[in-house]
Amino acid sequence: MLSIGEFSKICKVSTKTLRYYDEIGLIKPSKINQENGYRYYSIEQLETMLFINRLKQYNFSLEEIRAIITSEEIPNEKLSIELYKKKVELEKQIQIYSQIAERLNEDIAVLKQGKSIMSYLNKIDVQLVELPVMYLVSIRKMVYKFEMEEQYAYCFNSILRKIQYDKLTVTAPPMVLFHSDEFTPLGLDTEFAIPVKQFVTGTRDFCPGLCLKTTLHGGYSNLPSIYTKQCKWAEQNGYENNGPLYEVYITDPTQTSNEDNLVTEIYYPVKKK
């Protein structure tokens, strides 16, 4: 048996942390002396502590680790699934940080040239286009920010099933219209839609008319910059917003894991002031 101090020293974990782990049921002392309250750990628990620290290195929360340790499922199967999920999360974070590092290098280079860090906005192309009436098969609902990816897949699968059942002809890639007057992470009035050739029961007409159009190559983190440039262009040229902003997904985001392959058209309906 090891005292809490000895256990702490070997595992490089403070006694305060060990007491907290005991409170939350993560790892409890093998024995507690009822007379003086001293805590003792078994030699076998050293491996448990190593296991906990290893999962912490993989960014597992203490609650996630506790769930794994106390799970009644087959240990290796449960752990394999959780490790794979964490691997996907970490790879996504690595990709994000890689993009941030690349952007930092670009901004540093721009500043060294004596230019503004915001000069990248000048590279965003805005076109004024006139779009005809289109017929949409759509699903409109309030969507939380965190469930957008899930709802994208669910809604477009439902729409495609309806299109197939009604034998309709798709005329353009999927699109999402944002009807909310303002952004809120608690919910957006969102319409998932696919344009079709036929105007039948279950479809609706949509006439975007005059729009500002920008094509985005890459991840969606640049969307606020594009909307900013479009708003600025509209203001400078005597236009104002005239309908829901919408995005057309030339590349299906569910079909690629590399954001660099994404191509998205962003539309900002406008009218003359």
Protein backbone atom coordinates (compact mmCIF):
# COMPACT_ATOMS: atom_id res chain seq x y z
CA MET A 1 0.00 0.00 0.00
CA LEU A 2 1.10 3.56 -0.69
CA SER A 3 0.24 6.63 1.36
CA ILE A 4 -1.42 9.49 -0.50
CA GLY A 5 1.89 11.37 -0.35
CA GLU A 6 3.84 8.49 -1.88
CA PHE A 7 1.17 7.94 -4.51
CA SER A 8 1.20 11.67 -5.29
CA LYS A 9 4.99 11.72 -5.66
CA ILE A 10 5.14 8.72 -7.99
CA CYS A 11 2.28 9.88 -10.23
CA LYS A 12 3.25 13.58 -10.20
CA VAL A 13 -0.28 14.49 -9.10
CA SER A 14 -0.93 16.75 -6.10
CA THR A 15 -2.70 15.36 -3.03
CA LYS A 16 -5.32 18.08 -3.49
CA THR A 17 -6.07 16.72 -6.97
CA LEU A 18 -6.22 13.15 -5.65
CA ARG A 19 -8.75 14.19 -3.02
CA TYR A 20 -10.82 15.88 -5.73
CA TYR A 21 -10.64 12.75 -7.91
CA ASP A 22 -11.94 10.83 -4.90
CA GLU A 23 -14.87 13.26 -4.49
CA ILE A 24 -15.98 12.89 -8.11
CA GLY A 25 -15.53 9.12 -8.13
CA LEU A 26 -12.67 9.06 -10.62
CA ILE A 27 -10.20 7.15 -8.47
CA LYS A 28 -10.85 6.37 -4.82
CA PRO A 29 -8.30 5.32 -2.19
CA SER A 30 -8.03 1.59 -1.75
CA LYS A 31 -8.15 2.11 2.01
CA ILE A 32 -8.90 4.92 4.47
CA ASN A 33 -7.72 4.66 8.09
CA GLN A 34 -10.86 5.31 10.14
CA GLU A 35 -8.88 6.59 13.13
CA ASN A 36 -6.81 9.30 11.44
CA GLY A 37 -8.39 9.58 7.96
CA TYR A 38 -5.14 8.75 6.16
CA ARG A 39 -5.67 7.57 2.59
CA TYR A 40 -3.82 4.66 1.03
CA TYR A 41 -3.62 3.48 -2.56
CA SER A 42 -2.78 0.05 -3.93
CA ILE A 43 0.13 -0.57 -6.28
CA GLU A 44 -2.40 -1.57 -8.97
CA GLN A 45 -3.93 1.92 -8.82
CA LEU A 46 -0.70 3.41 -10.14
CA GLU A 47 -1.64 2.03 -13.55
CA THR A 48 -5.14 3.49 -13.21
CA MET A 49 -3.60 6.89 -12.53
CA LEU A 50 -1.33 6.54 -15.56
CA PHE A 51 -4.41 5.68 -17.64
CA ILE A 52 -6.24 8.79 -16.39
CA ASN A 53 -3.27 11.04 -17.15
CA ARG A 54 -2.93 9.52 -20.62
CA LEU A 55 -6.55 10.30 -21.46
CA LYS A 56 -6.13 13.83 -20.07
CA GLN A 57 -3.28 14.30 -22.58
CA TYR A 58 -5.80 13.48 -25.30
CA ASN A 59 -8.06 16.31 -24.03
CA PHE A 60 -10.63 14.04 -22.43
CA SER A 61 -12.54 15.83 -19.68
CA LEU A 62 -12.63 14.29 -16.20
CA GLU A 63 -16.31 13.45 -16.73
CA GLU A 64 -15.49 11.68 -20.01
CA ILE A 65 -12.70 9.72 -18.30
CA ARG A 66 -14.97 8.75 -15.42
CA ALA A 67 -17.61 7.53 -17.90
CA ILE A 68 -15.01 5.35 -19.63
CA ILE A 69 -13.66 3.90 -16.40
CA THR A 70 -17.12 3.12 -14.98
CA SER A 71 -18.66 1.92 -18.25
CA GLU A 72 -20.25 -1.52 -18.28
CA GLU A 73 -19.47 -1.94 -21.96
CA ILE A 74 -16.58 -4.09 -23.13
CA PRO A 75 -13.56 -1.93 -22.08
CA ASN A 76 -11.50 -2.12 -25.27
CA GLU A 77 -14.51 -1.57 -27.55
CA LYS A 78 -15.71 1.46 -25.54
CA LEU A 79 -12.21 2.92 -25.37
CA SER A 80 -11.54 2.36 -29.06
CA ILE A 81 -14.68 4.27 -30.03
CA GLU A 82 -13.93 7.15 -27.67
CA LEU A 83 -10.31 7.40 -28.79
CA TYR A 84 -11.38 7.51 -32.44
CA LYS A 85 -13.89 10.29 -31.74
CA LYS A 86 -11.22 12.26 -29.88
CA LYS A 87 -8.76 11.70 -32.74
CA VAL A 88 -11.25 13.23 -35.19
CA GLU A 89 -11.75 16.22 -32.88
CA LEU A 90 -8.01 16.77 -32.49
CA GLU A 91 -7.38 16.48 -36.24
CA LYS A 92 -10.03 19.13 -36.80
CA GLN A 93 -8.37 21.39 -34.21
CA ILE A 94 -4.98 20.82 -35.84
CA GLN A 95 -6.43 21.87 -39.19
CA ILE A 96 -7.93 25.00 -37.62
CA TYR A 97 -4.67 25.96 -35.89
CA SER A 98 -2.75 25.29 -39.09
CA GLN A 99 -5.02 27.72 -40.95
CA ILE A 100 -4.62 30.30 -38.18
CA ALA A 101 -0.82 29.96 -38.32
CA GLU A 102 -0.92 30.41 -42.10
CA ARG A 103 -3.09 33.50 -41.73
CA LEU A 104 -0.71 34.90 -39.10
CA ASN A 105 2.19 34.51 -41.50
CA GLU A 106 0.21 36.31 -44.21
CA ASP A 107 -0.68 39.18 -41.85
CA ILE A 108 2.93 39.53 -40.71
CA ALA A 109 4.06 39.69 -44.34
CA VAL A 110 1.40 42.32 -45.12
CA LEU A 111 2.44 44.48 -42.14
CA LYS A 112 6.09 44.25 -43.21
CA GLN A 113 4.99 45.70 -46.57
CA GLY A 114 3.50 48.67 -44.75
CA LYS A 115 -0.08 47.69 -45.55
CA SER A 116 -3.12 47.42 -43.26
CA ILE A 117 -3.86 44.04 -41.71
CA MET A 118 -7.40 44.43 -43.10
CA SER A 119 -6.22 44.94 -46.68
CA TYR A 120 -7.20 41.33 -47.42
CA LEU A 121 -10.77 42.62 -47.82
CA ASN A 122 -9.68 44.29 -51.08
CA LYS A 123 -9.09 40.82 -52.56
CA ILE A 124 -12.70 39.75 -52.03
CA ASP A 125 -14.56 40.01 -55.34
CA VAL A 126 -18.17 41.23 -55.31
CA GLN A 127 -20.37 40.98 -58.40
CA LEU A 128 -23.81 42.47 -58.98
CA VAL A 129 -26.00 39.81 -60.63
CA GLU A 130 -29.67 39.43 -61.56
CA LEU A 131 -31.17 36.04 -60.72
CA PRO A 132 -34.44 34.62 -62.07
CA VAL A 133 -37.31 33.05 -60.17
CA MET A 134 -36.55 29.56 -58.93
CA TYR A 135 -38.74 26.85 -57.42
CA LEU A 136 -37.60 25.38 -54.14
CA VAL A 137 -38.26 22.19 -52.24
CA SER A 138 -37.35 23.30 -48.75
CA ILE A 139 -37.49 22.76 -45.00
CA ARG A 140 -37.56 25.83 -42.77
CA LYS A 141 -36.89 25.62 -39.05
CA MET A 142 -35.10 27.18 -36.10
CA VAL A 143 -31.63 25.69 -35.88
CA TYR A 144 -29.12 26.02 -33.05
CA LYS A 145 -25.60 26.96 -34.09
CA PHE A 146 -24.08 23.76 -32.69
CA GLU A 147 -26.50 21.51 -34.63
CA MET A 148 -26.13 23.18 -38.05
CA GLU A 149 -23.96 20.41 -39.48
CA GLU A 150 -26.32 17.70 -38.26
CA GLN A 151 -29.41 19.54 -39.54
CA TYR A 152 -27.74 20.15 -42.90
CA ALA A 153 -27.37 16.42 -43.49
CA TYR A 154 -30.80 15.53 -42.08
CA CYS A 155 -32.80 18.18 -43.95
CA PHE A 156 -31.14 17.70 -47.32
CA ASN A 157 -31.58 13.93 -47.11
CA SER A 158 -35.29 14.50 -46.44
CA ILE A 159 -35.55 16.97 -49.33
CA LEU A 160 -33.79 14.61 -51.73
CA ARG A 161 -36.16 11.78 -50.78
CA LYS A 162 -39.13 14.02 -51.59
CA ILE A 163 -37.59 15.07 -54.90
CA GLN A 164 -37.03 11.44 -55.82
CA TYR A 165 -40.53 10.41 -54.72
CA ASP A 166 -42.20 13.23 -56.71
CA LYS A 167 -39.87 12.65 -59.67
CA LEU A 168 -38.73 16.27 -59.74
CA THR A 169 -35.71 17.60 -61.65
CA VAL A 170 -32.96 19.30 -59.69
CA THR A 171 -31.71 22.47 -61.40
CA ALA A 172 -29.04 23.78 -59.00
CA PRO A 173 -26.93 22.78 -55.98
CA PRO A 174 -28.31 22.82 -52.42
CA MET A 175 -28.69 26.19 -50.72
CA VAL A 176 -29.39 27.56 -47.24
CA LEU A 177 -31.34 30.78 -46.65
CA PHE A 178 -30.97 32.69 -43.39
CA HIS A 179 -34.20 34.46 -42.49
CA SER A 180 -33.17 35.63 -39.00
CA ASP A 181 -32.93 39.41 -38.55
CA GLU A 182 -29.88 38.95 -36.34
CA PHE A 183 -27.37 36.28 -35.43
CA THR A 184 -27.96 34.35 -32.24
CA PRO A 185 -26.16 31.18 -31.17
CA LEU A 186 -29.43 30.03 -29.57
CA GLY A 187 -31.23 29.65 -32.86
CA LEU A 188 -31.38 30.81 -36.47
CA ASP A 189 -34.43 30.90 -38.72
CA THR A 190 -32.94 28.67 -41.40
CA GLU A 191 -34.31 27.30 -44.67
CA PHE A 192 -32.62 24.34 -46.34
CA ALA A 193 -33.57 24.21 -50.02
CA ILE A 194 -32.90 22.60 -53.38
CA PRO A 195 -34.06 24.31 -56.62
CA VAL A 196 -36.17 22.16 -58.99
CA LYS A 197 -37.62 22.62 -62.46
CA GLN A 198 -41.26 21.91 -61.62
CA PHE A 199 -43.62 24.12 -59.62
CA VAL A 200 -45.88 21.62 -57.87
CA THR A 201 -47.49 21.06 -54.50
CA GLY A 202 -44.82 21.16 -51.85
CA THR A 203 -42.58 23.62 -53.67
CA ARG A 204 -42.41 27.40 -53.35
CA ASP A 205 -41.24 30.14 -55.65
CA PHE A 206 -38.25 32.26 -54.71
CA CYS A 207 -37.21 35.38 -56.58
CA PRO A 208 -33.88 36.67 -55.31
CA GLY A 209 -33.68 39.25 -58.11
CA LEU A 210 -30.72 41.61 -57.80
CA CYS A 211 -27.94 40.14 -55.62
CA LEU A 212 -24.35 40.68 -54.67
CA LYS A 213 -22.45 37.47 -55.34
CA THR A 214 -19.09 36.29 -53.99
CA THR A 215 -17.52 32.88 -54.51
CA LEU A 216 -15.70 31.48 -51.49
CA HIS A 217 -12.94 28.92 -51.93
CA GLY A 218 -12.14 27.23 -48.64
CA GLY A 219 -13.54 27.07 -45.11
CA TYR A 220 -16.50 28.94 -43.72
CA SER A 221 -14.48 30.96 -41.20
CA ASN A 222 -14.14 33.61 -43.93
CA LEU A 223 -17.91 34.14 -44.26
CA PRO A 224 -18.05 37.18 -41.92
CA SER A 225 -15.35 38.87 -44.03
CA ILE A 226 -17.34 38.26 -47.20
CA TYR A 227 -20.58 39.58 -45.69
CA THR A 228 -18.65 42.62 -44.44
CA LYS A 229 -17.26 43.30 -47.92
CA GLN A 230 -20.71 42.87 -49.50
CA CYS A 231 -22.32 45.27 -46.99
CA LYS A 232 -19.56 47.80 -47.61
CA TRP A 233 -19.94 47.46 -51.40
CA ALA A 234 -23.72 47.95 -51.12
CA GLU A 235 -23.32 51.07 -48.97
CA GLN A 236 -20.71 52.60 -51.28
CA ASN A 237 -22.81 51.98 -54.39
CA GLY A 238 -26.22 53.08 -53.09
CA TYR A 239 -27.81 49.69 -52.40
CA GLU A 240 -29.45 48.13 -49.34
CA ASN A 241 -30.43 44.63 -48.28
CA ASN A 242 -33.61 43.25 -49.82
CA GLY A 243 -34.08 39.70 -48.54
CA PRO A 244 -32.53 36.76 -46.72
CA LEU A 245 -28.84 36.12 -47.19
CA TYR A 246 -28.20 32.71 -48.69
CA GLU A 247 -25.38 30.35 -49.54
CA VAL A 248 -25.17 27.87 -52.42
CA TYR A 249 -22.99 24.82 -51.80
CA ILE A 250 -21.21 24.02 -55.05
CA THR A 251 -19.19 21.51 -53.05
CA ASP A 252 -21.17 19.43 -50.55
CA PRO A 253 -19.44 20.00 -47.17
CA THR A 254 -20.49 16.52 -46.01
CA GLN A 255 -18.55 14.92 -48.86
CA THR A 256 -15.09 16.33 -48.15
CA SER A 257 -12.88 16.41 -45.08
CA ASN A 258 -10.53 19.02 -46.56
CA GLU A 259 -11.89 22.56 -46.21
CA ASP A 260 -9.60 23.74 -49.01
CA ASN A 261 -11.80 21.81 -51.46
CA LEU A 262 -14.98 23.67 -50.51
CA VAL A 263 -16.57 26.03 -53.02
CA THR A 264 -19.51 28.15 -51.85
CA GLU A 265 -21.42 30.99 -53.49
CA ILE A 266 -22.64 33.70 -51.12
CA TYR A 267 -25.60 35.88 -52.15
CA TYR A 268 -26.74 39.15 -50.62
CA PRO A 269 -30.07 40.34 -52.12
CA VAL A 270 -30.13 44.11 -52.67
CA LYS A 271 -32.19 46.97 -54.08
CA LYS A 272 -31.42 50.60 -54.90
CA LYS A 273 -31.93 52.96 -51.98
